[in-house]
Amino acid sequence: MTDHAPVTPVLEPGAPFAVAIRTPTFLFQMAPAGGRKALEKVHSGSIAEPDVDEECATVTGGPTGEVGARIVRPAGVSGATPATPAADTATTSAPRQRSCGGRM
């Protein structure tokens, strides 16, 4: 068993992109300028992001001799946690500001 309380996932309210593309007029039916405007609109909202504890590490290896790693965990949690996809690769808004000195 785990030694921490479960964390409730944070999802985008209403999933605006999915809602926006499920009915006509579809992107492929729009002129390029209209399509860009539609995408900018659905990508313009903000999402709630849970608090996290971050750690930056450097590991010897790779073609340059060092590889940077950003370790992100739910805030205040210790011990094993389930594997989860990186939040900033799956969102429709700008990624969270990275704090490892710009190495990643």
Protein backbone atom coordinates (compact mmCIF):
# COMPACT_ATOMS: atom_id res chain seq x y z
CA MET A 1 0.00 0.00 0.00
CA THR A 2 1.03 3.61 -0.33
CA ASP A 3 1.92 5.90 2.54
CA HIS A 4 0.20 9.02 1.22
CA ALA A 5 -3.30 10.34 0.68
CA PRO A 6 -4.58 10.13 -2.90
CA VAL A 7 -4.49 13.35 -4.90
CA THR A 8 -7.61 14.30 -6.85
CA PRO A 9 -6.76 14.84 -10.55
CA VAL A 10 -7.17 18.37 -11.90
CA LEU A 11 -9.02 18.41 -15.22
CA GLU A 12 -9.85 21.29 -17.50
CA PRO A 13 -13.43 22.36 -16.79
CA GLY A 14 -15.57 21.72 -19.83
CA ALA A 15 -12.65 20.58 -22.02
CA PRO A 16 -13.15 23.63 -24.28
CA PHE A 17 -11.17 22.28 -27.23
CA ALA A 18 -13.15 19.04 -27.43
CA VAL A 19 -16.43 20.93 -27.10
CA ALA A 20 -15.40 23.44 -29.78
CA ILE A 21 -14.48 20.83 -32.43
CA ARG A 22 -17.43 18.45 -32.05
CA THR A 23 -19.88 20.45 -34.18
CA PRO A 24 -19.67 22.29 -37.53
CA THR A 25 -18.07 24.50 -38.72
CA PHE A 26 -15.02 22.19 -38.61
CA LEU A 27 -11.48 23.53 -38.91
CA PHE A 28 -10.96 22.02 -42.37
CA GLN A 29 -14.03 23.97 -43.56
CA MET A 30 -12.59 27.33 -42.46
CA ALA A 31 -10.23 29.71 -44.17
CA PRO A 32 -6.75 29.67 -42.58
CA ALA A 33 -7.29 32.98 -40.75
CA GLY A 34 -10.62 31.78 -39.31
CA GLY A 35 -9.08 28.46 -38.25
CA ARG A 36 -6.23 30.22 -36.46
CA LYS A 37 -8.69 32.50 -34.68
CA ALA A 38 -10.82 29.51 -33.58
CA LEU A 39 -7.76 27.67 -32.23
CA GLU A 40 -6.49 30.76 -30.42
CA LYS A 41 -9.90 31.10 -28.75
CA VAL A 42 -10.04 27.52 -27.41
CA HIS A 43 -6.38 27.62 -26.32
CA SER A 44 -6.68 30.98 -24.52
CA GLY A 45 -8.17 29.81 -21.21
CA SER A 46 -6.25 28.92 -18.11
CA ILE A 47 -6.29 25.65 -16.20
CA ALA A 48 -5.89 24.88 -12.52
CA GLU A 49 -2.54 23.33 -11.69
CA PRO A 50 -1.92 21.55 -8.41
CA ASP A 51 0.98 22.61 -6.19
CA VAL A 52 4.13 20.57 -6.75
CA ASP A 53 7.56 20.02 -5.25
CA GLU A 54 10.26 20.25 -7.95
CA GLU A 55 13.84 19.08 -7.92
CA CYS A 56 16.47 19.54 -10.59
CA ALA A 57 19.16 16.91 -11.02
CA THR A 58 22.09 16.40 -13.37
CA VAL A 59 23.13 12.89 -14.34
CA THR A 60 26.45 12.04 -15.96
CA GLY A 61 25.88 10.59 -19.43
CA GLY A 62 24.47 11.40 -22.83
CA PRO A 63 26.23 12.90 -25.85
CA THR A 64 27.15 16.12 -24.00
CA GLY A 65 28.36 14.41 -20.82
CA GLU A 66 25.45 15.60 -18.67
CA VAL A 67 21.70 15.12 -18.80
CA GLY A 68 19.34 17.38 -16.87
CA ALA A 69 16.24 16.00 -15.20
CA ARG A 70 13.27 17.79 -13.63
CA ILE A 71 11.60 15.71 -10.92
CA VAL A 72 8.04 16.80 -10.15
CA ARG A 73 5.98 15.36 -7.29
CA PRO A 74 2.67 16.35 -5.69
CA ALA A 75 3.38 18.97 -3.01
CA GLY A 76 4.12 17.52 0.40
CA VAL A 77 3.97 13.87 -0.69
CA SER A 78 6.75 11.46 0.23
CA GLY A 79 7.26 7.84 -0.70
CA ALA A 80 6.17 6.04 -3.84
CA THR A 81 3.61 7.66 -6.15
CA PRO A 82 1.86 6.23 -9.20
CA ALA A 83 3.42 7.04 -12.56
CA THR A 84 1.62 9.87 -14.35
CA PRO A 85 2.22 11.68 -17.66
CA ALA A 86 3.94 15.03 -17.47
CA ALA A 87 1.22 17.68 -17.11
CA ASP A 88 2.87 20.16 -19.41
CA THR A 89 2.89 17.75 -22.39
CA ALA A 90 -0.84 17.14 -22.36
CA THR A 91 -2.36 20.55 -21.77
CA THR A 92 -3.84 22.96 -24.27
CA SER A 93 -2.42 26.00 -22.47
CA ALA A 94 1.14 27.19 -22.03
CA PRO A 95 3.34 24.80 -20.06
CA ARG A 96 4.21 25.50 -16.44
CA GLN A 97 7.29 27.70 -16.06
CA ARG A 98 10.26 25.38 -15.68
CA SER A 99 12.64 26.16 -12.88
CA CYS A 100 15.80 24.17 -13.67
CA GLY A 101 17.81 27.12 -14.90
CA GLY A 102 16.59 26.80 -18.50
CA ARG A 103 18.38 23.48 -19.02
CA MET A 104 15.21 21.71 -20.14
